[in-house]
Amino acid sequence: MKTMPLPNAFAETLRETLDEWPATQKDISLATGIPVARLSEMKKGKRRCTPEYDLRLSRYFSMEPGFWMRLQLNYEMQRARIELGKQIEAEVKPAA
């Protein structure tokens, strides 16, 4: 049985934000200090958000720090549950 790919809310939100923003990706790169190639990889879901990039993006887009990291962490937690959840439930017994 083939499963649907898990949507990456971080990458999707970043892509939508960058695509809809009036500045070019190059301008955003220069303003944030995030290389253009890195922005492209992040919006394609090929590179994850880091705390530094979260702070840079949050500052530029006037968002609460941590916004981008929460999207990234939520995606990674969902992925871990799908890929490892049953195995961890079988291997780890609750302490209480």
PDB file of N, CA and C in Angstrom:
ATOM      1  N   MET A   1       0.845  -1.187   0.000  1.00  0.00           N
ATOM      2  CA  MET A   1       0.000   0.000   0.000  1.00  0.00           C
ATOM      3  C   MET A   1       0.886   1.246   0.000  1.00  0.00           C
ATOM      4  N   LYS A   2       0.665   2.114  -0.942  1.00  0.00           N
ATOM      5  CA  LYS A   2       1.455   3.328  -1.060  1.00  0.00           C
ATOM      6  C   LYS A   2       0.774   4.448  -0.279  1.00  0.00           C
ATOM      7  N   THR A   3       1.565   5.153   0.548  1.00  0.00           N
ATOM      8  CA  THR A   3       1.003   6.246   1.333  1.00  0.00           C
ATOM      9  C   THR A   3       1.274   7.570   0.635  1.00  0.00           C
ATOM     10  N   MET A   4       0.397   8.515   0.886  1.00  0.00           N
ATOM     11  CA  MET A   4       0.564   9.857   0.337  1.00  0.00           C
ATOM     12  C   MET A   4       1.721  10.529   1.065  1.00  0.00           C
ATOM     13  N   PRO A   5       2.507  11.345   0.362  1.00  0.00           N
ATOM     14  CA  PRO A   5       3.582  12.053   1.039  1.00  0.00           C
ATOM     15  C   PRO A   5       3.018  13.020   2.075  1.00  0.00           C
ATOM     16  N   LEU A   6       3.722  13.136   3.183  1.00  0.00           N
ATOM     17  CA  LEU A   6       3.306  14.020   4.260  1.00  0.00           C
ATOM     18  C   LEU A   6       3.567  15.468   3.852  1.00  0.00           C
ATOM     19  N   PRO A   7       2.559  16.337   3.924  1.00  0.00           N
ATOM     20  CA  PRO A   7       2.797  17.727   3.563  1.00  0.00           C
ATOM     21  C   PRO A   7       3.767  18.382   4.555  1.00  0.00           C
ATOM     22  N   ASN A   8       4.698  19.139   4.031  1.00  0.00           N
ATOM     23  CA  ASN A   8       5.669  19.841   4.855  1.00  0.00           C
ATOM     24  C   ASN A   8       5.175  21.272   5.014  1.00  0.00           C
ATOM     25  N   ALA A   9       4.517  21.545   6.155  1.00  0.00           N
ATOM     26  CA  ALA A   9       3.907  22.855   6.375  1.00  0.00           C
ATOM     27  C   ALA A   9       4.940  23.973   6.359  1.00  0.00           C
ATOM     28  N   PHE A  10       6.149  23.697   6.850  1.00  0.00           N
ATOM     29  CA  PHE A  10       7.191  24.721   6.813  1.00  0.00           C
ATOM     30  C   PHE A  10       7.510  25.101   5.371  1.00  0.00           C
ATOM     31  N   ALA A  11       7.829  24.107   4.555  1.00  0.00           N
ATOM     32  CA  ALA A  11       8.216  24.375   3.168  1.00  0.00           C
ATOM     33  C   ALA A  11       7.063  25.022   2.393  1.00  0.00           C
ATOM     34  N   GLU A  12       5.848  24.520   2.589  1.00  0.00           N
ATOM     35  CA  GLU A  12       4.700  25.063   1.871  1.00  0.00           C
ATOM     36  C   GLU A  12       4.422  26.517   2.261  1.00  0.00           C
ATOM     37  N   THR A  13       4.492  26.796   3.562  1.00  0.00           N
ATOM     38  CA  THR A  13       4.234  28.156   4.039  1.00  0.00           C
ATOM     39  C   THR A  13       5.326  29.108   3.566  1.00  0.00           C
ATOM     40  N   LEU A  14       6.577  28.662   3.627  1.00  0.00           N
ATOM     41  CA  LEU A  14       7.673  29.495   3.152  1.00  0.00           C
ATOM     42  C   LEU A  14       7.529  29.759   1.652  1.00  0.00           C
ATOM     43  N   ARG A  15       7.211  28.721   0.890  1.00  0.00           N
ATOM     44  CA  ARG A  15       7.038  28.883  -0.561  1.00  0.00           C
ATOM     45  C   ARG A  15       5.937  29.890  -0.859  1.00  0.00           C
ATOM     46  N   GLU A  16       4.787  29.734  -0.213  1.00  0.00           N
ATOM     47  CA  GLU A  16       3.672  30.657  -0.437  1.00  0.00           C
ATOM     48  C   GLU A  16       4.055  32.080  -0.048  1.00  0.00           C
ATOM     49  N   THR A  17       4.740  32.217   1.073  1.00  0.00           N
ATOM     50  CA  THR A  17       5.136  33.548   1.547  1.00  0.00           C
ATOM     51  C   THR A  17       6.105  34.202   0.575  1.00  0.00           C
ATOM     52  N   LEU A  18       7.128  33.445   0.166  1.00  0.00           N
ATOM     53  CA  LEU A  18       8.116  33.997  -0.766  1.00  0.00           C
ATOM     54  C   LEU A  18       7.492  34.325  -2.115  1.00  0.00           C
ATOM     55  N   ASP A  19       6.624  33.449  -2.602  1.00  0.00           N
ATOM     56  CA  ASP A  19       6.008  33.655  -3.915  1.00  0.00           C
ATOM     57  C   ASP A  19       5.042  34.848  -3.927  1.00  0.00           C
ATOM     58  N   GLU A  20       4.386  35.106  -2.798  1.00  0.00           N
ATOM     59  CA  GLU A  20       3.399  36.179  -2.741  1.00  0.00           C
ATOM     60  C   GLU A  20       3.998  37.515  -2.295  1.00  0.00           C
ATOM     61  N   TRP A  21       5.200  37.483  -1.752  1.00  0.00           N
ATOM     62  CA  TRP A  21       5.815  38.709  -1.232  1.00  0.00           C
ATOM     63  C   TRP A  21       6.211  39.617  -2.402  1.00  0.00           C
ATOM     64  N   PRO A  22       6.068  40.930  -2.242  1.00  0.00           N
ATOM     65  CA  PRO A  22       6.385  41.822  -3.362  1.00  0.00           C
ATOM     66  C   PRO A  22       7.872  41.878  -3.738  1.00  0.00           C
ATOM     67  N   ALA A  23       8.753  41.527  -2.830  1.00  0.00           N
ATOM     68  CA  ALA A  23      10.189  41.534  -3.125  1.00  0.00           C
ATOM     69  C   ALA A  23      10.583  40.218  -3.800  1.00  0.00           C
ATOM     70  N   THR A  24      11.673  40.250  -4.550  1.00  0.00           N
ATOM     71  CA  THR A  24      12.165  39.030  -5.191  1.00  0.00           C
ATOM     72  C   THR A  24      12.870  38.164  -4.155  1.00  0.00           C
ATOM     73  N   GLN A  25      13.058  36.914  -4.497  1.00  0.00           N
ATOM     74  CA  GLN A  25      13.758  36.001  -3.596  1.00  0.00           C
ATOM     75  C   GLN A  25      15.198  36.482  -3.368  1.00  0.00           C
ATOM     76  N   LYS A  26      15.794  37.063  -4.393  1.00  0.00           N
ATOM     77  CA  LYS A  26      17.145  37.607  -4.256  1.00  0.00           C
ATOM     78  C   LYS A  26      17.151  38.771  -3.256  1.00  0.00           C
ATOM     79  N   ASP A  27      16.155  39.648  -3.344  1.00  0.00           N
ATOM     80  CA  ASP A  27      16.050  40.765  -2.401  1.00  0.00           C
ATOM     81  C   ASP A  27      15.863  40.269  -0.968  1.00  0.00           C
ATOM     82  N   ILE A  28      15.032  39.247  -0.813  1.00  0.00           N
ATOM     83  CA  ILE A  28      14.801  38.669   0.517  1.00  0.00           C
ATOM     84  C   ILE A  28      16.079  38.034   1.033  1.00  0.00           C
ATOM     85  N   SER A  29      16.806  37.378   0.153  1.00  0.00           N
ATOM     86  CA  SER A  29      18.089  36.779   0.513  1.00  0.00           C
ATOM     87  C   SER A  29      19.052  37.839   1.033  1.00  0.00           C
ATOM     88  N   LEU A  30      19.161  38.931   0.320  1.00  0.00           N
ATOM     89  CA  LEU A  30      20.060  40.007   0.733  1.00  0.00           C
ATOM     90  C   LEU A  30      19.619  40.632   2.053  1.00  0.00           C
ATOM     91  N   ALA A  31      18.321  40.811   2.221  1.00  0.00           N
ATOM     92  CA  ALA A  31      17.795  41.443   3.436  1.00  0.00           C
ATOM     93  C   ALA A  31      17.925  40.553   4.668  1.00  0.00           C
ATOM     94  N   THR A  32      17.820  39.242   4.475  1.00  0.00           N
ATOM     95  CA  THR A  32      17.862  38.316   5.615  1.00  0.00           C
ATOM     96  C   THR A  32      19.243  37.732   5.869  1.00  0.00           C
ATOM     97  N   GLY A  33      20.101  37.768   4.861  1.00  0.00           N
ATOM     98  CA  GLY A  33      21.407  37.129   5.001  1.00  0.00           C
ATOM     99  C   GLY A  33      21.356  35.629   4.769  1.00  0.00           C
ATOM    100  N   ILE A  34      20.251  35.143   4.242  1.00  0.00           N
ATOM    101  CA  ILE A  34      20.103  33.722   3.915  1.00  0.00           C
ATOM    102  C   ILE A  34      20.396  33.568   2.425  1.00  0.00           C
ATOM    103  N   PRO A  35      21.377  32.737   2.055  1.00  0.00           N
ATOM    104  CA  PRO A  35      21.697  32.588   0.631  1.00  0.00           C
ATOM    105  C   PRO A  35      20.476  32.180  -0.200  1.00  0.00           C
ATOM    106  N   VAL A  36      20.414  32.685  -1.429  1.00  0.00           N
ATOM    107  CA  VAL A  36      19.301  32.392  -2.338  1.00  0.00           C
ATOM    108  C   VAL A  36      19.120  30.885  -2.503  1.00  0.00           C
ATOM    109  N   ALA A  37      20.224  30.177  -2.690  1.00  0.00           N
ATOM    110  CA  ALA A  37      20.140  28.723  -2.873  1.00  0.00           C
ATOM    111  C   ALA A  37      19.531  28.054  -1.649  1.00  0.00           C
ATOM    112  N   ARG A  38      19.867  28.532  -0.468  1.00  0.00           N
ATOM    113  CA  ARG A  38      19.319  27.964   0.768  1.00  0.00           C
ATOM    114  C   ARG A  38      17.830  28.221   0.859  1.00  0.00           C
ATOM    115  N   LEU A  39      17.398  29.435   0.526  1.00  0.00           N
ATOM    116  CA  LEU A  39      15.958  29.736   0.518  1.00  0.00           C
ATOM    117  C   LEU A  39      15.227  28.805  -0.444  1.00  0.00           C
ATOM    118  N   SER A  40      15.795  28.612  -1.628  1.00  0.00           N
ATOM    119  CA  SER A  40      15.175  27.724  -2.623  1.00  0.00           C
ATOM    120  C   SER A  40      15.072  26.306  -2.102  1.00  0.00           C
ATOM    121  N   GLU A  41      16.118  25.811  -1.458  1.00  0.00           N
ATOM    122  CA  GLU A  41      16.107  24.449  -0.918  1.00  0.00           C
ATOM    123  C   GLU A  41      15.091  24.314   0.213  1.00  0.00           C
ATOM    124  N   MET A  42      14.981  25.345   1.046  1.00  0.00           N
ATOM    125  CA  MET A  42      14.019  25.292   2.149  1.00  0.00           C
ATOM    126  C   MET A  42      12.593  25.302   1.617  1.00  0.00           C
ATOM    127  N   LYS A  43      12.314  26.138   0.634  1.00  0.00           N
ATOM    128  CA  LYS A  43      10.926  26.203   0.143  1.00  0.00           C
ATOM    129  C   LYS A  43      10.542  24.959  -0.645  1.00  0.00           C
ATOM    130  N   LYS A  44      11.526  24.194  -1.112  1.00  0.00           N
ATOM    131  CA  LYS A  44      11.256  22.916  -1.779  1.00  0.00           C
ATOM    132  C   LYS A  44      11.213  21.758  -0.788  1.00  0.00           C
ATOM    133  N   GLY A  45      11.494  22.034   0.486  1.00  0.00           N
ATOM    134  CA  GLY A  45      11.489  20.980   1.505  1.00  0.00           C
ATOM    135  C   GLY A  45      12.751  20.143   1.502  1.00  0.00           C
ATOM    136  N   LYS A  46      13.794  20.611   0.832  1.00  0.00           N
ATOM    137  CA  LYS A  46      15.045  19.851   0.765  1.00  0.00           C
ATOM    138  C   LYS A  46      16.015  20.233   1.873  1.00  0.00           C
ATOM    139  N   ARG A  47      15.731  21.309   2.566  1.00  0.00           N
ATOM    140  CA  ARG A  47      16.566  21.748   3.681  1.00  0.00           C
ATOM    141  C   ARG A  47      15.647  22.223   4.789  1.00  0.00           C
ATOM    142  N   ARG A  48      16.029  21.930   6.024  1.00  0.00           N
ATOM    143  CA  ARG A  48      15.169  22.279   7.150  1.00  0.00           C
ATOM    144  C   ARG A  48      15.452  23.689   7.647  1.00  0.00           C
ATOM    145  N   CYS A  49      14.535  24.196   8.430  1.00  0.00           N
ATOM    146  CA  CYS A  49      14.707  25.490   9.072  1.00  0.00           C
ATOM    147  C   CYS A  49      15.623  25.311  10.280  1.00  0.00           C
ATOM    148  N   THR A  50      16.472  26.273  10.520  1.00  0.00           N
ATOM    149  CA  THR A  50      17.329  26.275  11.700  1.00  0.00           C
ATOM    150  C   THR A  50      16.891  27.427  12.598  1.00  0.00           C
ATOM    151  N   PRO A  51      17.290  27.408  13.868  1.00  0.00           N
ATOM    152  CA  PRO A  51      16.934  28.542  14.732  1.00  0.00           C
ATOM    153  C   PRO A  51      17.412  29.884  14.170  1.00  0.00           C
ATOM    154  N   GLU A  52      18.612  29.916  13.602  1.00  0.00           N
ATOM    155  CA  GLU A  52      19.112  31.170  13.032  1.00  0.00           C
ATOM    156  C   GLU A  52      18.226  31.639  11.887  1.00  0.00           C
ATOM    157  N   TYR A  53      17.866  30.729  10.990  1.00  0.00           N
ATOM    158  CA  TYR A  53      17.030  31.120   9.850  1.00  0.00           C
ATOM    159  C   TYR A  53      15.633  31.516  10.306  1.00  0.00           C
ATOM    160  N   ASP A  54      15.141  30.854  11.347  1.00  0.00           N
ATOM    161  CA  ASP A  54      13.856  31.246  11.908  1.00  0.00           C
ATOM    162  C   ASP A  54      13.913  32.702  12.368  1.00  0.00           C
ATOM    163  N   LEU A  55      14.955  33.050  13.102  1.00  0.00           N
ATOM    164  CA  LEU A  55      15.074  34.418  13.596  1.00  0.00           C
ATOM    165  C   LEU A  55      15.187  35.421  12.452  1.00  0.00           C
ATOM    166  N   ARG A  56      15.933  35.062  11.429  1.00  0.00           N
ATOM    167  CA  ARG A  56      16.101  35.961  10.283  1.00  0.00           C
ATOM    168  C   ARG A  56      14.787  36.139   9.517  1.00  0.00           C
ATOM    169  N   LEU A  57      14.106  35.028   9.251  1.00  0.00           N
ATOM    170  CA  LEU A  57      12.825  35.115   8.533  1.00  0.00           C
ATOM    171  C   LEU A  57      11.763  35.818   9.372  1.00  0.00           C
ATOM    172  N   SER A  58      11.706  35.489  10.654  1.00  0.00           N
ATOM    173  CA  SER A  58      10.716  36.102  11.544  1.00  0.00           C
ATOM    174  C   SER A  58      10.917  37.609  11.625  1.00  0.00           C
ATOM    175  N   ARG A  59      12.148  38.031  11.725  1.00  0.00           N
ATOM    176  CA  ARG A  59      12.448  39.464  11.787  1.00  0.00           C
ATOM    177  C   ARG A  59      12.041  40.145  10.481  1.00  0.00           C
ATOM    178  N   TYR A  60      12.413  39.572   9.373  1.00  0.00           N
ATOM    179  CA  TYR A  60      12.121  40.178   8.079  1.00  0.00           C
ATOM    180  C   TYR A  60      10.617  40.288   7.834  1.00  0.00           C
ATOM    181  N   PHE A  61       9.881  39.207   8.114  1.00  0.00           N
ATOM    182  CA  PHE A  61       8.441  39.192   7.845  1.00  0.00           C
ATOM    183  C   PHE A  61       7.612  39.693   9.026  1.00  0.00           C
ATOM    184  N   SER A  62       8.262  40.247  10.050  1.00  0.00           N
ATOM    185  CA  SER A  62       7.582  40.778  11.252  1.00  0.00           C
ATOM    186  C   SER A  62       6.668  39.734  11.882  1.00  0.00           C
ATOM    187  N   MET A  63       7.246  38.554  12.097  1.00  0.00           N
ATOM    188  CA  MET A  63       6.508  37.459  12.720  1.00  0.00           C
ATOM    189  C   MET A  63       7.133  37.148  14.072  1.00  0.00           C
ATOM    190  N   GLU A  64       6.380  36.443  14.894  1.00  0.00           N
ATOM    191  CA  GLU A  64       6.882  36.029  16.200  1.00  0.00           C
ATOM    192  C   GLU A  64       8.040  35.045  16.019  1.00  0.00           C
ATOM    193  N   PRO A  65       9.159  35.284  16.715  1.00  0.00           N
ATOM    194  CA  PRO A  65      10.257  34.318  16.636  1.00  0.00           C
ATOM    195  C   PRO A  65       9.763  32.923  17.040  1.00  0.00           C
ATOM    196  N   GLY A  66      10.204  31.933  16.301  1.00  0.00           N
ATOM    197  CA  GLY A  66       9.788  30.560  16.556  1.00  0.00           C
ATOM    198  C   GLY A  66       8.713  30.066  15.614  1.00  0.00           C
ATOM    199  N   PHE A  67       8.079  30.977  14.870  1.00  0.00           N
ATOM    200  CA  PHE A  67       6.998  30.597  13.957  1.00  0.00           C
ATOM    201  C   PHE A  67       7.458  29.522  12.976  1.00  0.00           C
ATOM    202  N   TRP A  68       8.574  29.766  12.302  1.00  0.00           N
ATOM    203  CA  TRP A  68       9.063  28.848  11.274  1.00  0.00           C
ATOM    204  C   TRP A  68       9.558  27.550  11.884  1.00  0.00           C
ATOM    205  N   MET A  69      10.201  27.631  13.052  1.00  0.00           N
ATOM    206  CA  MET A  69      10.698  26.421  13.720  1.00  0.00           C
ATOM    207  C   MET A  69       9.542  25.528  14.169  1.00  0.00           C
ATOM    208  N   ARG A  70       8.453  26.128  14.624  1.00  0.00           N
ATOM    209  CA  ARG A  70       7.290  25.322  15.037  1.00  0.00           C
ATOM    210  C   ARG A  70       6.716  24.559  13.847  1.00  0.00           C
ATOM    211  N   LEU A  71       6.663  25.203  12.694  1.00  0.00           N
ATOM    212  CA  LEU A  71       6.192  24.500  11.497  1.00  0.00           C
ATOM    213  C   LEU A  71       7.131  23.343  11.159  1.00  0.00           C
ATOM    214  N   GLN A  72       8.433  23.592  11.236  1.00  0.00           N
ATOM    215  CA  GLN A  72       9.429  22.561  10.943  1.00  0.00           C
ATOM    216  C   GLN A  72       9.322  21.409  11.935  1.00  0.00           C
ATOM    217  N   LEU A  73       9.244  21.729  13.228  1.00  0.00           N
ATOM    218  CA  LEU A  73       9.174  20.693  14.264  1.00  0.00           C
ATOM    219  C   LEU A  73       7.895  19.870  14.129  1.00  0.00           C
ATOM    220  N   ASN A  74       6.781  20.519  13.846  1.00  0.00           N
ATOM    221  CA  ASN A  74       5.522  19.799  13.675  1.00  0.00           C
ATOM    222  C   ASN A  74       5.634  18.791  12.529  1.00  0.00           C
ATOM    223  N   TYR A  75       6.224  19.204  11.422  1.00  0.00           N
ATOM    224  CA  TYR A  75       6.420  18.305  10.281  1.00  0.00           C
ATOM    225  C   TYR A  75       7.309  17.131  10.672  1.00  0.00           C
ATOM    226  N   GLU A  76       8.412  17.395  11.352  1.00  0.00           N
ATOM    227  CA  GLU A  76       9.339  16.326  11.739  1.00  0.00           C
ATOM    228  C   GLU A  76       8.710  15.357  12.742  1.00  0.00           C
ATOM    229  N   MET A  77       7.893  15.880  13.664  1.00  0.00           N
ATOM    230  CA  MET A  77       7.212  15.004  14.627  1.00  0.00           C
ATOM    231  C   MET A  77       6.193  14.113  13.930  1.00  0.00           C
ATOM    232  N   GLN A  78       5.432  14.670  13.014  1.00  0.00           N
ATOM    233  CA  GLN A  78       4.455  13.861  12.270  1.00  0.00           C
ATOM    234  C   GLN A  78       5.166  12.771  11.479  1.00  0.00           C
ATOM    235  N   ARG A  79       6.259  13.136  10.853  1.00  0.00           N
ATOM    236  CA  ARG A  79       7.029  12.173  10.066  1.00  0.00           C
ATOM    237  C   ARG A  79       7.580  11.059  10.953  1.00  0.00           C
ATOM    238  N   ALA A  80       8.114  11.411  12.117  1.00  0.00           N
ATOM    239  CA  ALA A  80       8.647  10.411  13.039  1.00  0.00           C
ATOM    240  C   ALA A  80       7.542   9.476  13.525  1.00  0.00           C
ATOM    241  N   ARG A  81       6.370  10.031  13.818  1.00  0.00           N
ATOM    242  CA  ARG A  81       5.243   9.189  14.259  1.00  0.00           C
ATOM    243  C   ARG A  81       4.859   8.187  13.174  1.00  0.00           C
ATOM    244  N   ILE A  82       4.810   8.653  11.938  1.00  0.00           N
ATOM    245  CA  ILE A  82       4.443   7.770  10.833  1.00  0.00           C
ATOM    246  C   ILE A  82       5.509   6.702  10.621  1.00  0.00           C
ATOM    247  N   GLU A  83       6.775   7.105  10.611  1.00  0.00           N
ATOM    248  CA  GLU A  83       7.861   6.189  10.292  1.00  0.00           C
ATOM    249  C   GLU A  83       8.275   5.288  11.461  1.00  0.00           C
ATOM    250  N   LEU A  84       8.174   5.797  12.689  1.00  0.00           N
ATOM    251  CA  LEU A  84       8.714   5.056  13.841  1.00  0.00           C
ATOM    252  C   LEU A  84       7.706   4.776  14.951  1.00  0.00           C
ATOM    253  N   GLY A  85       6.515   5.347  14.860  1.00  0.00           N
ATOM    254  CA  GLY A  85       5.544   5.253  15.950  1.00  0.00           C
ATOM    255  C   GLY A  85       5.246   3.843  16.415  1.00  0.00           C
ATOM    256  N   LYS A  86       4.914   2.954  15.508  1.00  0.00           N
ATOM    257  CA  LYS A  86       4.569   1.576  15.889  1.00  0.00           C
ATOM    258  C   LYS A  86       5.767   0.845  16.483  1.00  0.00           C
ATOM    259  N   GLN A  87       6.925   1.054  15.912  1.00  0.00           N
ATOM    260  CA  GLN A  87       8.133   0.407  16.423  1.00  0.00           C
ATOM    261  C   GLN A  87       8.432   0.893  17.851  1.00  0.00           C
ATOM    262  N   ILE A  88       8.320   2.195  18.089  1.00  0.00           N
ATOM    263  CA  ILE A  88       8.594   2.737  19.416  1.00  0.00           C
ATOM    264  C   ILE A  88       7.561   2.257  20.423  1.00  0.00           C
ATOM    265  N   GLU A  89       6.291   2.193  20.012  1.00  0.00           N
ATOM    266  CA  GLU A  89       5.249   1.680  20.909  1.00  0.00           C
ATOM    267  C   GLU A  89       5.543   0.236  21.295  1.00  0.00           C
ATOM    268  N   ALA A  90       6.053  -0.565  20.384  1.00  0.00           N
ATOM    269  CA  ALA A  90       6.359  -1.965  20.676  1.00  0.00           C
ATOM    270  C   ALA A  90       7.600  -2.098  21.558  1.00  0.00           C
ATOM    271  N   GLU A  91       8.574  -1.224  21.375  1.00  0.00           N
ATOM    272  CA  GLU A  91       9.843  -1.356  22.085  1.00  0.00           C
ATOM    273  C   GLU A  91       9.862  -0.675  23.448  1.00  0.00           C
ATOM    274  N   VAL A  92       9.109   0.399  23.621  1.00  0.00           N
ATOM    275  CA  VAL A  92       9.205   1.206  24.856  1.00  0.00           C
ATOM    276  C   VAL A  92       7.921   1.065  25.655  1.00  0.00           C
ATOM    277  N   LYS A  93       8.075   0.606  26.875  1.00  0.00           N
ATOM    278  CA  LYS A  93       6.929   0.485  27.777  1.00  0.00           C
ATOM    279  C   LYS A  93       6.874   1.696  28.685  1.00  0.00           C
ATOM    280  N   PRO A  94       5.683   2.272  28.906  1.00  0.00           N
ATOM    281  CA  PRO A  94       5.549   3.425  29.805  1.00  0.00           C
ATOM    282  C   PRO A  94       6.034   3.105  31.211  1.00  0.00           C
ATOM    283  N   ALA A  95       6.624   4.072  31.879  1.00  0.00           N
ATOM    284  CA  ALA A  95       7.152   3.870  33.240  1.00  0.00           C
ATOM    285  C   ALA A  95       6.027   3.725  34.248  1.00  0.00           C
ATOM    286  N   ALA A  96       4.919   4.370  34.014  1.00  0.00           N
ATOM    287  CA  ALA A  96       3.840   4.304  34.999  1.00  0.00           C
ATOM    288  C   ALA A  96       2.656   3.525  34.476  1.00  0.00           C
TER     289      ALA A  96
END
